[in-house]
């Protein structure tokens, strides 16, 4: 993961946040992410994010569950341990539907939860930089990645003009990593 500089702006109202995001996108700055204390309707559209592909992952996991159920049941009842249940044939598909349905739902649900946790970087043991301590309390935090062709002062002045209550420049790792919260990372010492 790369250690980068970010300009951080804090807003206390979502009515100010939406016009600020539009101004940031129009100005051409590289918007890293927006952190909100609660889900904000329409924020994904304002950020220009595409629709998630989580439903495709759910379909693929469901197909894995269906094929696993049908494969194991047919192998068990036709090859491994064939039993005669009241004259029924060994390959009795209607009797297998409840188990097949349950495994399909189980694989889809567990697979989608694990995929969601991985994509949103919220797994246990994952450490991620917190741009502001109140970003999950009552502040809306916008992080802009500072590239080489943009000066810090220019971006901070721009963010203040959008109605930001607080602005700062921080050095942080852009992704997530496995770490311990009781031990400071080297770049955290730069911000202190």
C-alpha atoms as a PDB file:
ATOM      1  CA  UNK A   1       0.000   0.000   0.000  1.00  0.00           C
ATOM      2  CA  UNK A   2       1.175   3.495  -0.778  1.00  0.00           C
ATOM      3  CA  UNK A   3       1.441   6.274   1.775  1.00  0.00           C
ATOM      4  CA  UNK A   4      -0.171   9.405   0.366  1.00  0.00           C
ATOM      5  CA  UNK A   5      -1.210  12.908   1.395  1.00  0.00           C
ATOM      6  CA  UNK A   6      -4.861  13.800   1.758  1.00  0.00           C
ATOM      7  CA  UNK A   7      -6.692  17.082   2.195  1.00  0.00           C
ATOM      8  CA  UNK A   8      -9.532  16.490   4.631  1.00  0.00           C
ATOM      9  CA  UNK A   9     -12.648  18.640   5.027  1.00  0.00           C
ATOM     10  CA  UNK A  10     -15.328  18.237   7.693  1.00  0.00           C
ATOM     11  CA  UNK A  11     -18.936  19.320   7.248  1.00  0.00           C
ATOM     12  CA  UNK A  12     -21.656  19.309   9.873  1.00  0.00           C
ATOM     13  CA  UNK A  13     -24.677  19.257   7.549  1.00  0.00           C
ATOM     14  CA  UNK A  14     -25.526  17.090   4.559  1.00  0.00           C
ATOM     15  CA  UNK A  15     -27.177  20.078   2.860  1.00  0.00           C
ATOM     16  CA  UNK A  16     -23.706  21.641   2.626  1.00  0.00           C
ATOM     17  CA  UNK A  17     -22.041  18.324   1.763  1.00  0.00           C
ATOM     18  CA  UNK A  18     -23.834  17.705  -1.553  1.00  0.00           C
ATOM     19  CA  UNK A  19     -22.942  21.051  -3.200  1.00  0.00           C
ATOM     20  CA  UNK A  20     -19.373  20.673  -1.894  1.00  0.00           C
ATOM     21  CA  UNK A  21     -19.020  17.244  -3.513  1.00  0.00           C
ATOM     22  CA  UNK A  22     -20.341  18.603  -6.796  1.00  0.00           C
ATOM     23  CA  UNK A  23     -17.800  21.452  -6.657  1.00  0.00           C
ATOM     24  CA  UNK A  24     -14.967  19.029  -5.875  1.00  0.00           C
ATOM     25  CA  UNK A  25     -15.914  16.776  -8.790  1.00  0.00           C
ATOM     26  CA  UNK A  26     -16.257  19.741 -11.179  1.00  0.00           C
ATOM     27  CA  UNK A  27     -12.881  21.148 -10.133  1.00  0.00           C
ATOM     28  CA  UNK A  28     -11.113  17.918 -11.092  1.00  0.00           C
ATOM     29  CA  UNK A  29      -9.608  17.008  -7.732  1.00  0.00           C
ATOM     30  CA  UNK A  30      -9.130  13.305  -7.011  1.00  0.00           C
ATOM     31  CA  UNK A  31     -11.865  12.472  -4.496  1.00  0.00           C
ATOM     32  CA  UNK A  32     -10.641   9.631  -2.294  1.00  0.00           C
ATOM     33  CA  UNK A  33     -13.775   8.963  -0.219  1.00  0.00           C
ATOM     34  CA  UNK A  34     -16.580  10.499   1.841  1.00  0.00           C
ATOM     35  CA  UNK A  35     -17.262   9.258   5.380  1.00  0.00           C
ATOM     36  CA  UNK A  36     -20.685   9.841   6.918  1.00  0.00           C
ATOM     37  CA  UNK A  37     -22.150   8.977  10.327  1.00  0.00           C
ATOM     38  CA  UNK A  38     -25.256   7.452   8.710  1.00  0.00           C
ATOM     39  CA  UNK A  39     -26.308   6.352   5.213  1.00  0.00           C
ATOM     40  CA  UNK A  40     -27.041   9.392   3.048  1.00  0.00           C
ATOM     41  CA  UNK A  41     -29.544   8.876   0.249  1.00  0.00           C
ATOM     42  CA  UNK A  42     -28.176   9.949  -3.121  1.00  0.00           C
ATOM     43  CA  UNK A  43     -24.547  10.221  -2.019  1.00  0.00           C
ATOM     44  CA  UNK A  44     -23.416   7.390  -4.296  1.00  0.00           C
ATOM     45  CA  UNK A  45     -24.978   9.179  -7.259  1.00  0.00           C
ATOM     46  CA  UNK A  46     -23.353  12.482  -6.263  1.00  0.00           C
ATOM     47  CA  UNK A  47     -19.984  10.746  -6.012  1.00  0.00           C
ATOM     48  CA  UNK A  48     -20.470   9.156  -9.432  1.00  0.00           C
ATOM     49  CA  UNK A  49     -20.197   5.609  -8.140  1.00  0.00           C
ATOM     50  CA  UNK A  50     -21.522   2.785 -10.286  1.00  0.00           C
ATOM     51  CA  UNK A  51     -24.076   0.292  -9.029  1.00  0.00           C
ATOM     52  CA  UNK A  52     -22.596  -2.540  -7.018  1.00  0.00           C
ATOM     53  CA  UNK A  53     -22.055  -5.985  -8.522  1.00  0.00           C
ATOM     54  CA  UNK A  54     -22.902  -7.699  -5.244  1.00  0.00           C
ATOM     55  CA  UNK A  55     -26.067  -9.232  -6.713  1.00  0.00           C
ATOM     56  CA  UNK A  56     -23.965 -10.965  -9.385  1.00  0.00           C
ATOM     57  CA  UNK A  57     -21.746 -12.413  -6.650  1.00  0.00           C
ATOM     58  CA  UNK A  58     -24.888 -13.588  -4.831  1.00  0.00           C
ATOM     59  CA  UNK A  59     -26.101 -15.339  -7.981  1.00  0.00           C
ATOM     60  CA  UNK A  60     -22.745 -17.060  -8.479  1.00  0.00           C
ATOM     61  CA  UNK A  61     -22.625 -18.186  -4.832  1.00  0.00           C
ATOM     62  CA  UNK A  62     -26.219 -19.444  -5.159  1.00  0.00           C
ATOM     63  CA  UNK A  63     -25.261 -21.470  -8.231  1.00  0.00           C
ATOM     64  CA  UNK A  64     -22.355 -22.945  -6.264  1.00  0.00           C
ATOM     65  CA  UNK A  65     -24.769 -23.915  -3.493  1.00  0.00           C
ATOM     66  CA  UNK A  66     -27.218 -25.505  -5.931  1.00  0.00           C
ATOM     67  CA  UNK A  67     -24.513 -27.471  -7.726  1.00  0.00           C
ATOM     68  CA  UNK A  68     -22.956 -28.551  -4.416  1.00  0.00           C
ATOM     69  CA  UNK A  69     -26.293 -29.788  -3.087  1.00  0.00           C
ATOM     70  CA  UNK A  70     -27.286 -31.633  -6.249  1.00  0.00           C
ATOM     71  CA  UNK A  71     -23.804 -33.056  -6.718  1.00  0.00           C
ATOM     72  CA  UNK A  72     -23.438 -34.400  -3.212  1.00  0.00           C
ATOM     73  CA  UNK A  73     -26.984 -35.705  -2.905  1.00  0.00           C
ATOM     74  CA  UNK A  74     -26.856 -37.459  -6.268  1.00  0.00           C
ATOM     75  CA  UNK A  75     -23.438 -38.945  -5.458  1.00  0.00           C
ATOM     76  CA  UNK A  76     -24.564 -40.147  -2.015  1.00  0.00           C
ATOM     77  CA  UNK A  77     -27.894 -41.635  -3.099  1.00  0.00           C
ATOM     78  CA  UNK A  78     -26.762 -43.159  -6.389  1.00  0.00           C
ATOM     79  CA  UNK A  79     -23.144 -44.253  -5.832  1.00  0.00           C
ATOM     80  CA  UNK A  80     -21.890 -44.038  -2.260  1.00  0.00           C
ATOM     81  CA  UNK A  81     -24.865 -45.223  -0.193  1.00  0.00           C
ATOM     82  CA  UNK A  82     -27.820 -46.164  -2.421  1.00  0.00           C
ATOM     83  CA  UNK A  83     -30.883 -46.955  -0.338  1.00  0.00           C
ATOM     84  CA  UNK A  84     -34.333 -48.037  -1.415  1.00  0.00           C
ATOM     85  CA  UNK A  85     -36.895 -45.625   0.105  1.00  0.00           C
ATOM     86  CA  UNK A  86     -40.262 -47.298  -0.448  1.00  0.00           C
ATOM     87  CA  UNK A  87     -39.598 -48.131  -4.080  1.00  0.00           C
ATOM     88  CA  UNK A  88     -38.500 -44.600  -5.074  1.00  0.00           C
ATOM     89  CA  UNK A  89     -35.780 -44.365  -7.691  1.00  0.00           C
ATOM     90  CA  UNK A  90     -32.244 -43.626  -6.494  1.00  0.00           C
ATOM     91  CA  UNK A  91     -32.193 -40.354  -8.477  1.00  0.00           C
ATOM     92  CA  UNK A  92     -35.307 -38.719  -6.970  1.00  0.00           C
ATOM     93  CA  UNK A  93     -34.974 -35.004  -7.756  1.00  0.00           C
ATOM     94  CA  UNK A  94     -38.305 -33.792  -6.221  1.00  0.00           C
ATOM     95  CA  UNK A  95     -37.264 -35.136  -2.818  1.00  0.00           C
ATOM     96  CA  UNK A  96     -33.998 -33.186  -2.972  1.00  0.00           C
ATOM     97  CA  UNK A  97     -35.543 -29.757  -3.615  1.00  0.00           C
ATOM     98  CA  UNK A  98     -35.762 -28.606   0.059  1.00  0.00           C
ATOM     99  CA  UNK A  99     -32.090 -29.388   0.785  1.00  0.00           C
ATOM    100  CA  UNK A 100     -31.048 -27.865  -2.541  1.00  0.00           C
ATOM    101  CA  UNK A 101     -32.997 -24.680  -1.778  1.00  0.00           C
ATOM    102  CA  UNK A 102     -31.503 -24.393   1.713  1.00  0.00           C
ATOM    103  CA  UNK A 103     -27.922 -24.833   0.496  1.00  0.00           C
ATOM    104  CA  UNK A 104     -28.515 -22.321  -2.300  1.00  0.00           C
ATOM    105  CA  UNK A 105     -29.701 -19.716   0.210  1.00  0.00           C
ATOM    106  CA  UNK A 106     -26.891 -20.548   2.660  1.00  0.00           C
ATOM    107  CA  UNK A 107     -24.121 -20.249   0.067  1.00  0.00           C
ATOM    108  CA  UNK A 108     -25.595 -17.031  -1.383  1.00  0.00           C
ATOM    109  CA  UNK A 109     -26.050 -15.379   2.025  1.00  0.00           C
ATOM    110  CA  UNK A 110     -22.654 -16.299   3.483  1.00  0.00           C
ATOM    111  CA  UNK A 111     -20.867 -15.566   0.206  1.00  0.00           C
ATOM    112  CA  UNK A 112     -22.488 -12.145  -0.144  1.00  0.00           C
ATOM    113  CA  UNK A 113     -21.659 -11.211   3.453  1.00  0.00           C
ATOM    114  CA  UNK A 114     -18.010 -12.196   3.015  1.00  0.00           C
ATOM    115  CA  UNK A 115     -17.822 -10.386  -0.340  1.00  0.00           C
ATOM    116  CA  UNK A 116     -19.437  -7.279   1.184  1.00  0.00           C
ATOM    117  CA  UNK A 117     -16.967  -7.307   4.084  1.00  0.00           C
ATOM    118  CA  UNK A 118     -14.010  -7.709   1.742  1.00  0.00           C
ATOM    119  CA  UNK A 119     -15.098  -4.988  -0.677  1.00  0.00           C
ATOM    120  CA  UNK A 120     -15.889  -2.509   2.117  1.00  0.00           C
ATOM    121  CA  UNK A 121     -12.803  -3.447   4.115  1.00  0.00           C
ATOM    122  CA  UNK A 122     -14.664  -4.131   7.361  1.00  0.00           C
ATOM    123  CA  UNK A 123     -13.281  -7.536   8.287  1.00  0.00           C
ATOM    124  CA  UNK A 124     -12.129  -8.286  11.829  1.00  0.00           C
ATOM    125  CA  UNK A 125      -8.514  -7.285  12.374  1.00  0.00           C
ATOM    126  CA  UNK A 126      -8.467  -4.767   9.545  1.00  0.00           C
ATOM    127  CA  UNK A 127      -6.984  -1.391  10.382  1.00  0.00           C
ATOM    128  CA  UNK A 128      -7.827   1.672   8.332  1.00  0.00           C
ATOM    129  CA  UNK A 129      -6.845   5.301   8.744  1.00  0.00           C
ATOM    130  CA  UNK A 130      -9.437   7.449  10.541  1.00  0.00           C
ATOM    131  CA  UNK A 131      -9.404  10.915   9.010  1.00  0.00           C
ATOM    132  CA  UNK A 132     -11.399  12.547  11.823  1.00  0.00           C
ATOM    133  CA  UNK A 133     -12.505  11.105  15.185  1.00  0.00           C
ATOM    134  CA  UNK A 134     -16.055  12.438  14.695  1.00  0.00           C
ATOM    135  CA  UNK A 135     -16.553  10.936  11.203  1.00  0.00           C
ATOM    136  CA  UNK A 136     -18.795   8.233  12.648  1.00  0.00           C
ATOM    137  CA  UNK A 137     -20.398  10.538  15.202  1.00  0.00           C
ATOM    138  CA  UNK A 138     -21.778  13.717  13.643  1.00  0.00           C
ATOM    139  CA  UNK A 139     -19.354  14.963  10.956  1.00  0.00           C
ATOM    140  CA  UNK A 140     -19.329  14.372   7.218  1.00  0.00           C
ATOM    141  CA  UNK A 141     -15.688  13.956   6.186  1.00  0.00           C
ATOM    142  CA  UNK A 142     -14.421  14.402   2.618  1.00  0.00           C
ATOM    143  CA  UNK A 143     -10.905  13.163   1.785  1.00  0.00           C
ATOM    144  CA  UNK A 144      -9.186  14.424  -1.369  1.00  0.00           C
ATOM    145  CA  UNK A 145      -5.969  12.789  -2.515  1.00  0.00           C
ATOM    146  CA  UNK A 146      -3.224  15.352  -3.080  1.00  0.00           C
ATOM    147  CA  UNK A 147      -1.411  14.555  -6.296  1.00  0.00           C
ATOM    148  CA  UNK A 148       1.895  16.033  -7.428  1.00  0.00           C
ATOM    149  CA  UNK A 149       0.377  18.748  -9.626  1.00  0.00           C
ATOM    150  CA  UNK A 150      -1.882  20.168  -6.857  1.00  0.00           C
ATOM    151  CA  UNK A 151      -0.663  22.321  -3.978  1.00  0.00           C
ATOM    152  CA  UNK A 152      -1.892  21.760  -0.433  1.00  0.00           C
ATOM    153  CA  UNK A 153      -2.775  25.408   0.168  1.00  0.00           C
ATOM    154  CA  UNK A 154      -4.857  25.582  -2.997  1.00  0.00           C
ATOM    155  CA  UNK A 155      -6.942  22.544  -2.045  1.00  0.00           C
ATOM    156  CA  UNK A 156      -7.390  23.647   1.591  1.00  0.00           C
ATOM    157  CA  UNK A 157      -8.511  27.111   0.460  1.00  0.00           C
ATOM    158  CA  UNK A 158     -10.909  25.531  -2.015  1.00  0.00           C
ATOM    159  CA  UNK A 159     -12.389  23.249   0.663  1.00  0.00           C
ATOM    160  CA  UNK A 160     -12.889  26.176   3.044  1.00  0.00           C
ATOM    161  CA  UNK A 161     -14.758  28.007   0.275  1.00  0.00           C
ATOM    162  CA  UNK A 162     -17.180  25.061  -0.025  1.00  0.00           C
ATOM    163  CA  UNK A 163     -18.345  25.535   3.573  1.00  0.00           C
ATOM    164  CA  UNK A 164     -16.059  23.140   5.447  1.00  0.00           C
ATOM    165  CA  UNK A 165     -16.012  23.587   9.225  1.00  0.00           C
ATOM    166  CA  UNK A 166     -12.536  22.069   9.592  1.00  0.00           C
ATOM    167  CA  UNK A 167      -9.755  21.341   7.105  1.00  0.00           C
ATOM    168  CA  UNK A 168      -6.438  19.565   7.465  1.00  0.00           C
ATOM    169  CA  UNK A 169      -3.720  17.832   5.482  1.00  0.00           C
ATOM    170  CA  UNK A 170      -2.900  14.293   6.577  1.00  0.00           C
ATOM    171  CA  UNK A 171      -0.456  11.590   5.589  1.00  0.00           C
ATOM    172  CA  UNK A 172      -2.046   8.148   5.472  1.00  0.00           C
ATOM    173  CA  UNK A 173      -1.942   4.774   3.829  1.00  0.00           C
ATOM    174  CA  UNK A 174      -4.598   4.711   1.118  1.00  0.00           C
ATOM    175  CA  UNK A 175      -5.856   1.173   1.643  1.00  0.00           C
ATOM    176  CA  UNK A 176      -6.493  -1.195   4.491  1.00  0.00           C
ATOM    177  CA  UNK A 177      -4.117  -3.492   6.258  1.00  0.00           C
ATOM    178  CA  UNK A 178      -3.963  -5.917   9.128  1.00  0.00           C
ATOM    179  CA  UNK A 179      -2.648  -4.093  12.127  1.00  0.00           C
ATOM    180  CA  UNK A 180      -3.024  -3.398  15.799  1.00  0.00           C
ATOM    181  CA  UNK A 181      -4.787  -0.350  17.170  1.00  0.00           C
ATOM    182  CA  UNK A 182      -2.554  -0.196  20.248  1.00  0.00           C
ATOM    183  CA  UNK A 183       0.564   0.453  18.139  1.00  0.00           C
ATOM    184  CA  UNK A 184       1.106   3.588  16.045  1.00  0.00           C
ATOM    185  CA  UNK A 185       2.199   3.252  12.440  1.00  0.00           C
ATOM    186  CA  UNK A 186       5.152   5.371  11.170  1.00  0.00           C
ATOM    187  CA  UNK A 187       2.955   7.712   9.125  1.00  0.00           C
ATOM    188  CA  UNK A 188       0.690   8.281  12.143  1.00  0.00           C
ATOM    189  CA  UNK A 189       3.685   9.713  13.941  1.00  0.00           C
ATOM    190  CA  UNK A 190       4.006  12.286  11.119  1.00  0.00           C
ATOM    191  CA  UNK A 191       0.442  13.518  11.796  1.00  0.00           C
ATOM    192  CA  UNK A 192       0.945  13.781  15.561  1.00  0.00           C
END
